[in-house]
Amino acid sequence: MNYNRLDAKDYAREHFRGIWAACLNPWRTDGAFDEAGFRSNIRHWIDDLSIAGFFIAGKQGEFFSMSLEERKRNIEVAVEECDGRAGTIFSASDQNFETVVELAQHAQDCGADYVVVHAPVLHFVTDQDEVLFNYYKAICERVDIGIAMWSHPDSGYLMSPQLCARIAELPNIVAIKYSVPRPLYAELTRLAGDKIHVSTASEAEWLDNIEELGWMLYLCSSPPYQIQTTADQRMNDYTKLAFEGRFDEARLIRDSLNPVREAFKRTKPADKPQAHGKYWQELLGQVGGPVRAPMLNLTDAEKAATREAFEGCGLKV
């Protein structure tokens, strides 16, 4: 790592910026990890789309269907392929506490920049705050790498802004992916935005959050490589304008992407998000592939509808 635990916040404030994308993992038809395809995607995302960093082995990447060794290999490949040209944040999330620590230590040892740890499902617990504070505190004490919290409804609850602000005082907590309604993440920005990066996955809200909340980090989902191509980088363009304070110009470019967003959203089956995202990648010339069980693949009819919407959405390829 390029920092120690006590310097993690300062390092992240300077380097953990810009557009970071959550990676879908390509599998081969036999179900194995398509390492060559993953490397090809990363090279395209860095060289052609100028994406600043990558969220590895998260929910988009189907980490729940991967073995421990596969998850470790996933971050090793990403670190090797990025080779300092882009950043890496690895999901060490797991229901088993020691597995979380083992994955975080592995990410630290192989040269990842940060890890993300989502709040666990807490069986029978109806007052979570003290448990969650001690959960993140215990992880922070076992590793030096910078840690991003992650709160989302899948856990069965949402962490409050006040709890997140308390956890943000821990020395190597550097960010949060806060998948919550806007009033909650705006409140956390007010409470702890000087200590950690607050972010959410909604690309549609990214510009407003730069302008109104002073955000510098998009962390993160798949739009950076799904609504952009080598010839059409409107997300990069409006982000650059927003960082320069040219919000009226940025807004015009952001809004011009509405047909692309609508086409993607309209054709995504509610029960097949990863499969739809991977097929959209294939339409863009990236490596997609099938999903693993228990996720479902698209039908031929769903693919045809997606292809028709893609071809008419105005994205330049």
Protein backbone atom coordinates (compact mmCIF):
# COMPACT_ATOMS: atom_id res chain seq x y z
CA MET A 1 0.00 0.00 0.00
CA ASN A 2 0.99 3.61 -0.49
CA TYR A 3 -0.14 4.69 2.99
CA ASN A 4 -0.46 3.42 6.54
CA ARG A 5 -3.57 3.14 8.65
CA LEU A 6 -3.24 6.56 10.22
CA ASP A 7 -2.74 8.20 6.83
CA ALA A 8 -5.61 6.38 5.13
CA LYS A 9 -8.10 9.25 5.28
CA ASP A 10 -5.65 11.81 3.88
CA TYR A 11 -4.56 9.46 1.11
CA ALA A 12 -8.13 8.68 0.13
CA ARG A 13 -9.09 12.35 0.17
CA GLU A 14 -6.41 13.01 -2.43
CA HIS A 15 -6.52 9.84 -4.54
CA PHE A 16 -9.97 8.26 -4.13
CA ARG A 17 -11.74 10.53 -6.63
CA GLY A 18 -13.56 10.58 -9.92
CA ILE A 19 -15.63 7.85 -11.54
CA TRP A 20 -15.22 4.32 -10.18
CA ALA A 21 -17.17 1.46 -11.78
CA ALA A 22 -18.52 -1.79 -10.32
CA CYS A 23 -17.34 -4.70 -12.44
CA LEU A 24 -19.56 -7.44 -13.76
CA ASN A 25 -17.54 -10.65 -13.85
CA PRO A 26 -17.47 -12.59 -17.13
CA TRP A 27 -17.89 -16.35 -16.87
CA ARG A 28 -17.11 -18.83 -19.64
CA THR A 29 -19.82 -21.14 -20.95
CA ASP A 30 -18.45 -23.89 -18.70
CA GLY A 31 -18.98 -21.61 -15.69
CA ALA A 32 -15.31 -20.82 -15.04
CA PHE A 33 -14.02 -17.29 -14.49
CA ASP A 34 -13.10 -15.76 -17.85
CA GLU A 35 -9.83 -14.20 -16.77
CA ALA A 36 -8.83 -13.16 -20.29
CA GLY A 37 -12.20 -11.54 -20.85
CA PHE A 38 -11.99 -9.68 -17.54
CA ARG A 39 -8.54 -8.37 -18.42
CA SER A 40 -9.79 -7.26 -21.83
CA ASN A 41 -12.66 -5.35 -20.25
CA ILE A 42 -10.37 -3.61 -17.77
CA ARG A 43 -7.98 -2.53 -20.51
CA HIS A 44 -10.88 -1.06 -22.49
CA TRP A 45 -12.29 0.68 -19.46
CA ILE A 46 -8.95 2.29 -18.63
CA ASP A 47 -7.51 2.96 -22.09
CA ASP A 48 -10.69 3.96 -23.90
CA LEU A 49 -13.10 5.14 -21.19
CA SER A 50 -10.63 6.66 -18.68
CA ILE A 51 -12.41 5.13 -15.68
CA ALA A 52 -10.54 6.04 -12.50
CA GLY A 53 -11.04 2.84 -10.53
CA PHE A 54 -12.90 -0.43 -10.17
CA PHE A 55 -15.08 -2.09 -7.55
CA ILE A 56 -14.11 -5.77 -7.71
CA ALA A 57 -16.15 -8.83 -6.70
CA GLY A 58 -19.20 -7.01 -5.42
CA LYS A 59 -22.87 -7.83 -5.95
CA GLN A 60 -22.56 -6.85 -9.61
CA GLY A 61 -19.67 -9.32 -9.84
CA GLU A 62 -21.77 -12.15 -8.31
CA PHE A 63 -19.39 -12.61 -5.39
CA PHE A 64 -22.08 -14.70 -3.70
CA SER A 65 -21.52 -17.42 -6.32
CA MET A 66 -17.72 -17.41 -6.04
CA SER A 67 -15.41 -19.52 -3.92
CA LEU A 68 -12.98 -17.83 -1.55
CA GLU A 69 -10.08 -18.61 -3.88
CA GLU A 70 -11.96 -17.21 -6.87
CA ARG A 71 -12.62 -13.97 -5.02
CA LYS A 72 -8.96 -13.68 -4.13
CA ARG A 73 -7.94 -14.34 -7.73
CA ASN A 74 -10.44 -11.72 -8.93
CA ILE A 75 -8.65 -8.92 -7.06
CA GLU A 76 -5.20 -10.24 -8.00
CA VAL A 77 -6.09 -10.06 -11.69
CA ALA A 78 -7.58 -6.59 -11.32
CA VAL A 79 -4.51 -5.25 -9.51
CA GLU A 80 -2.20 -6.79 -12.11
CA GLU A 81 -4.19 -5.38 -15.02
CA CYS A 82 -4.67 -1.92 -13.54
CA ASP A 83 -0.94 -1.75 -12.71
CA GLY A 84 -1.26 1.69 -11.13
CA ARG A 85 -3.16 3.16 -14.07
CA ALA A 86 -6.46 2.88 -12.21
CA GLY A 87 -7.46 2.19 -8.63
CA THR A 88 -9.03 -0.91 -7.11
CA ILE A 89 -11.48 -1.40 -4.29
CA PHE A 90 -12.28 -5.00 -3.40
CA SER A 91 -15.44 -6.26 -1.76
CA ALA A 92 -14.41 -8.17 1.33
CA SER A 93 -18.07 -8.47 2.30
CA ASP A 94 -19.18 -11.75 3.80
CA GLN A 95 -21.41 -13.04 6.56
CA ASN A 96 -18.44 -14.75 8.22
CA PHE A 97 -16.35 -12.21 10.10
CA GLU A 98 -13.05 -14.07 9.74
CA THR A 99 -13.64 -14.38 5.99
CA VAL A 100 -14.06 -10.60 5.81
CA VAL A 101 -10.74 -10.12 7.57
CA GLU A 102 -9.01 -12.76 5.44
CA LEU A 103 -10.21 -11.12 2.21
CA ALA A 104 -9.27 -7.64 3.43
CA GLN A 105 -5.80 -8.83 4.38
CA HIS A 106 -5.42 -10.49 0.98
CA ALA A 107 -6.44 -7.29 -0.79
CA GLN A 108 -3.91 -5.38 1.30
CA ASP A 109 -1.14 -7.89 0.58
CA CYS A 110 -1.68 -8.00 -3.18
CA GLY A 111 -1.70 -4.23 -3.63
CA ALA A 112 -5.36 -3.20 -3.78
CA ASP A 113 -6.04 0.40 -2.84
CA TYR A 114 -9.11 -0.08 -0.61
CA VAL A 115 -11.72 -2.60 0.46
CA VAL A 116 -15.46 -2.25 0.89
CA VAL A 117 -17.38 -4.10 3.58
CA HIS A 118 -21.15 -4.09 3.57
CA ALA A 119 -23.14 -4.15 6.76
CA PRO A 120 -23.97 -7.77 7.62
CA VAL A 121 -27.35 -9.37 8.04
CA LEU A 122 -27.92 -9.41 11.79
CA HIS A 123 -30.19 -12.25 12.80
CA PHE A 124 -32.54 -11.47 15.71
CA VAL A 125 -30.89 -8.08 16.35
CA THR A 126 -33.37 -5.20 16.40
CA ASP A 127 -31.06 -2.45 17.73
CA GLN A 128 -28.02 -2.58 15.48
CA ASP A 129 -25.93 0.50 16.23
CA GLU A 130 -23.56 -0.80 18.90
CA VAL A 131 -23.11 -4.14 17.09
CA LEU A 132 -22.27 -2.40 13.81
CA PHE A 133 -19.87 0.09 15.36
CA ASN A 134 -17.95 -2.75 16.97
CA TYR A 135 -18.12 -4.78 13.75
CA TYR A 136 -16.33 -2.09 11.74
CA LYS A 137 -14.01 -1.24 14.64
CA ALA A 138 -12.88 -4.87 14.91
CA ILE A 139 -12.14 -5.03 11.16
CA CYS A 140 -10.24 -1.74 11.26
CA GLU A 141 -8.05 -3.08 14.05
CA ARG A 142 -7.09 -6.17 12.03
CA VAL A 143 -5.99 -4.47 8.78
CA ASP A 144 -4.30 -1.26 7.68
CA ILE A 145 -6.03 -0.85 4.32
CA GLY A 146 -8.63 1.89 3.87
CA ILE A 147 -12.18 0.63 4.30
CA ALA A 148 -15.41 1.84 2.74
CA MET A 149 -18.64 1.09 4.56
CA TRP A 150 -21.61 -0.08 2.51
CA SER A 151 -25.20 0.20 3.67
CA HIS A 152 -28.11 -0.99 1.56
CA PRO A 153 -31.58 -2.49 2.09
CA ASP A 154 -30.34 -6.03 1.39
CA SER A 155 -29.04 -6.13 4.96
CA GLY A 156 -32.59 -5.82 6.27
CA TYR A 157 -31.96 -2.36 7.70
CA LEU A 158 -30.22 0.90 6.81
CA MET A 159 -27.41 2.36 8.86
CA SER A 160 -28.36 5.84 10.09
CA PRO A 161 -26.30 8.91 9.16
CA GLN A 162 -25.46 9.35 12.84
CA LEU A 163 -24.10 5.81 13.15
CA CYS A 164 -22.11 6.17 9.91
CA ALA A 165 -20.64 9.44 11.17
CA ARG A 166 -19.56 7.71 14.37
CA ILE A 167 -17.92 4.86 12.44
CA ALA A 168 -16.28 7.48 10.16
CA GLU A 169 -14.14 8.53 13.13
CA LEU A 170 -12.22 5.24 12.92
CA PRO A 171 -8.80 5.91 11.38
CA ASN A 172 -8.95 3.71 8.29
CA ILE A 173 -12.60 4.26 7.39
CA VAL A 174 -12.29 6.35 4.23
CA ALA A 175 -15.63 6.21 2.39
CA ILE A 176 -19.14 4.81 2.25
CA LYS A 177 -21.26 3.48 -0.57
CA TYR A 178 -24.56 4.66 0.90
CA SER A 179 -27.41 3.06 -1.05
CA VAL A 180 -30.13 5.03 0.69
CA PRO A 181 -32.61 7.82 -0.09
CA ARG A 182 -31.03 11.19 -0.86
CA PRO A 183 -32.00 12.93 2.42
CA LEU A 184 -30.00 10.32 4.35
CA TYR A 185 -26.81 10.61 2.33
CA ALA A 186 -27.11 14.40 2.27
CA GLU A 187 -27.29 14.35 6.07
CA LEU A 188 -24.24 12.08 6.33
CA THR A 189 -22.33 14.40 4.00
CA ARG A 190 -23.12 17.25 6.38
CA LEU A 191 -22.06 15.21 9.40
CA ALA A 192 -18.92 13.48 8.08
CA GLY A 193 -18.12 14.73 4.59
CA ASP A 194 -14.90 16.24 5.89
CA LYS A 195 -13.73 12.83 7.15
CA ILE A 196 -14.86 10.35 4.48
CA HIS A 197 -16.09 10.30 0.91
CA VAL A 198 -19.85 9.82 0.85
CA SER A 199 -21.19 8.31 -2.38
CA THR A 200 -24.06 6.35 -3.85
CA ALA A 201 -24.52 4.23 -6.97
CA SER A 202 -27.13 6.42 -8.71
CA GLU A 203 -25.59 7.89 -11.86
CA ALA A 204 -28.71 10.00 -12.41
CA GLU A 205 -27.99 11.83 -9.11
CA TRP A 206 -24.21 12.14 -9.60
CA LEU A 207 -24.19 15.63 -11.11
CA ASP A 208 -26.56 17.03 -8.50
CA ASN A 209 -24.39 15.55 -5.76
CA ILE A 210 -21.28 17.22 -7.17
CA GLU A 211 -23.06 20.57 -7.36
CA GLU A 212 -25.08 20.52 -4.17
CA LEU A 213 -23.02 18.32 -1.84
CA GLY A 214 -19.49 18.86 -3.13
CA TRP A 215 -18.91 15.18 -3.91
CA MET A 216 -15.71 14.13 -5.68
CA LEU A 217 -16.27 10.36 -5.90
CA TYR A 218 -18.74 8.22 -7.83
CA LEU A 219 -18.75 4.84 -6.06
CA CYS A 220 -20.13 3.05 -8.00
CA SER A 221 -22.11 0.93 -10.39
CA SER A 222 -21.92 -0.13 -14.02
CA PRO A 223 -23.04 3.02 -15.95
CA PRO A 224 -19.46 4.25 -16.52
CA TYR A 225 -18.90 1.41 -19.00
CA GLN A 226 -22.53 0.78 -20.01
CA ILE A 227 -23.61 4.27 -21.07
CA GLN A 228 -20.21 5.19 -22.55
CA THR A 229 -18.16 4.06 -25.52
CA THR A 230 -14.86 5.07 -27.04
CA ALA A 231 -16.81 7.46 -29.28
CA ASP A 232 -19.39 8.64 -26.72
CA GLN A 233 -18.20 9.64 -23.26
CA ARG A 234 -20.93 11.92 -22.06
CA MET A 235 -20.68 10.78 -18.44
CA ASN A 236 -16.99 11.70 -18.41
CA ASP A 237 -17.79 14.96 -20.19
CA TYR A 238 -20.48 16.17 -17.82
CA THR A 239 -18.42 15.06 -14.80
CA LYS A 240 -15.43 17.11 -15.98
CA LEU A 241 -17.61 20.16 -16.55
CA ALA A 242 -19.21 19.77 -13.12
CA PHE A 243 -15.81 19.50 -11.42
CA GLU A 244 -14.94 22.77 -13.18
CA GLY A 245 -18.11 24.40 -11.86
CA ARG A 246 -19.75 24.62 -15.30
CA PHE A 247 -23.02 23.13 -14.14
CA ASP A 248 -25.39 24.47 -16.81
CA GLU A 249 -23.27 22.94 -19.56
CA ALA A 250 -22.89 19.73 -17.57
CA ARG A 251 -26.63 19.45 -17.08
CA LEU A 252 -27.33 19.66 -20.80
CA ILE A 253 -24.97 16.76 -21.48
CA ARG A 254 -26.27 14.70 -18.56
CA ASP A 255 -29.87 15.13 -19.70
CA SER A 256 -28.97 14.12 -23.26
CA LEU A 257 -28.30 10.62 -21.86
CA ASN A 258 -31.92 10.15 -20.75
CA PRO A 259 -32.82 8.01 -23.81
CA VAL A 260 -29.91 5.69 -22.99
CA ARG A 261 -30.92 5.42 -19.34
CA GLU A 262 -34.54 4.79 -20.31
CA ALA A 263 -33.64 2.08 -22.84
CA PHE A 264 -31.48 0.28 -20.30
CA LYS A 265 -34.02 0.52 -17.49
CA ARG A 266 -37.01 -0.42 -19.65
CA THR A 267 -35.45 -3.65 -20.91
CA LYS A 268 -33.91 -4.88 -17.64
CA PRO A 269 -35.97 -7.75 -16.19
CA ALA A 270 -36.47 -7.31 -12.46
CA ASP A 271 -35.06 -10.78 -11.76
CA LYS A 272 -32.09 -10.68 -14.17
CA PRO A 273 -29.98 -7.57 -13.49
CA GLN A 274 -26.55 -9.12 -14.00
CA ALA A 275 -27.60 -11.06 -17.12
CA HIS A 276 -29.07 -7.91 -18.66
CA GLY A 277 -25.97 -5.89 -17.84
CA LYS A 278 -23.70 -8.51 -19.37
CA TYR A 279 -25.73 -8.71 -22.57
CA TRP A 280 -25.65 -4.89 -22.83
CA GLN A 281 -21.87 -5.14 -22.49
CA GLU A 282 -21.77 -7.59 -25.38
CA LEU A 283 -23.75 -5.14 -27.53
CA LEU A 284 -21.04 -2.61 -26.70
CA GLY A 285 -18.31 -5.03 -27.81
CA GLN A 286 -17.20 -5.91 -24.27
CA VAL A 287 -16.99 -9.39 -22.75
CA GLY A 288 -20.20 -10.39 -21.00
CA GLY A 289 -21.08 -14.06 -20.90
CA PRO A 290 -23.61 -15.99 -18.82
CA VAL A 291 -24.44 -15.65 -15.14
CA ARG A 292 -23.93 -18.28 -12.46
CA ALA A 293 -26.62 -19.98 -10.40
CA PRO A 294 -28.81 -18.89 -8.74
CA MET A 295 -29.02 -15.95 -11.17
CA LEU A 296 -31.04 -16.32 -14.38
CA ASN A 297 -29.93 -15.74 -17.97
CA LEU A 298 -31.94 -13.71 -20.49
CA THR A 299 -34.32 -15.43 -22.87
CA ASP A 300 -33.97 -14.92 -26.62
CA ALA A 301 -37.01 -12.62 -26.53
CA GLU A 302 -35.45 -10.51 -23.75
CA LYS A 303 -32.22 -10.26 -25.71
CA ALA A 304 -34.09 -9.17 -28.84
CA ALA A 305 -35.95 -6.44 -26.92
CA THR A 306 -32.73 -5.23 -25.34
CA ARG A 307 -30.91 -5.17 -28.66
CA GLU A 308 -33.70 -3.17 -30.29
CA ALA A 309 -33.71 -0.63 -27.44
CA PHE A 310 -29.92 -0.41 -27.50
CA GLU A 311 -29.84 0.27 -31.23
CA GLY A 312 -32.37 3.08 -30.90
CA CYS A 313 -31.10 4.82 -27.76
CA GLY A 314 -28.65 7.16 -29.49
CA LEU A 315 -25.47 5.87 -27.88
CA LYS A 316 -22.62 6.16 -30.36
CA VAL A 317 -20.64 2.95 -30.82
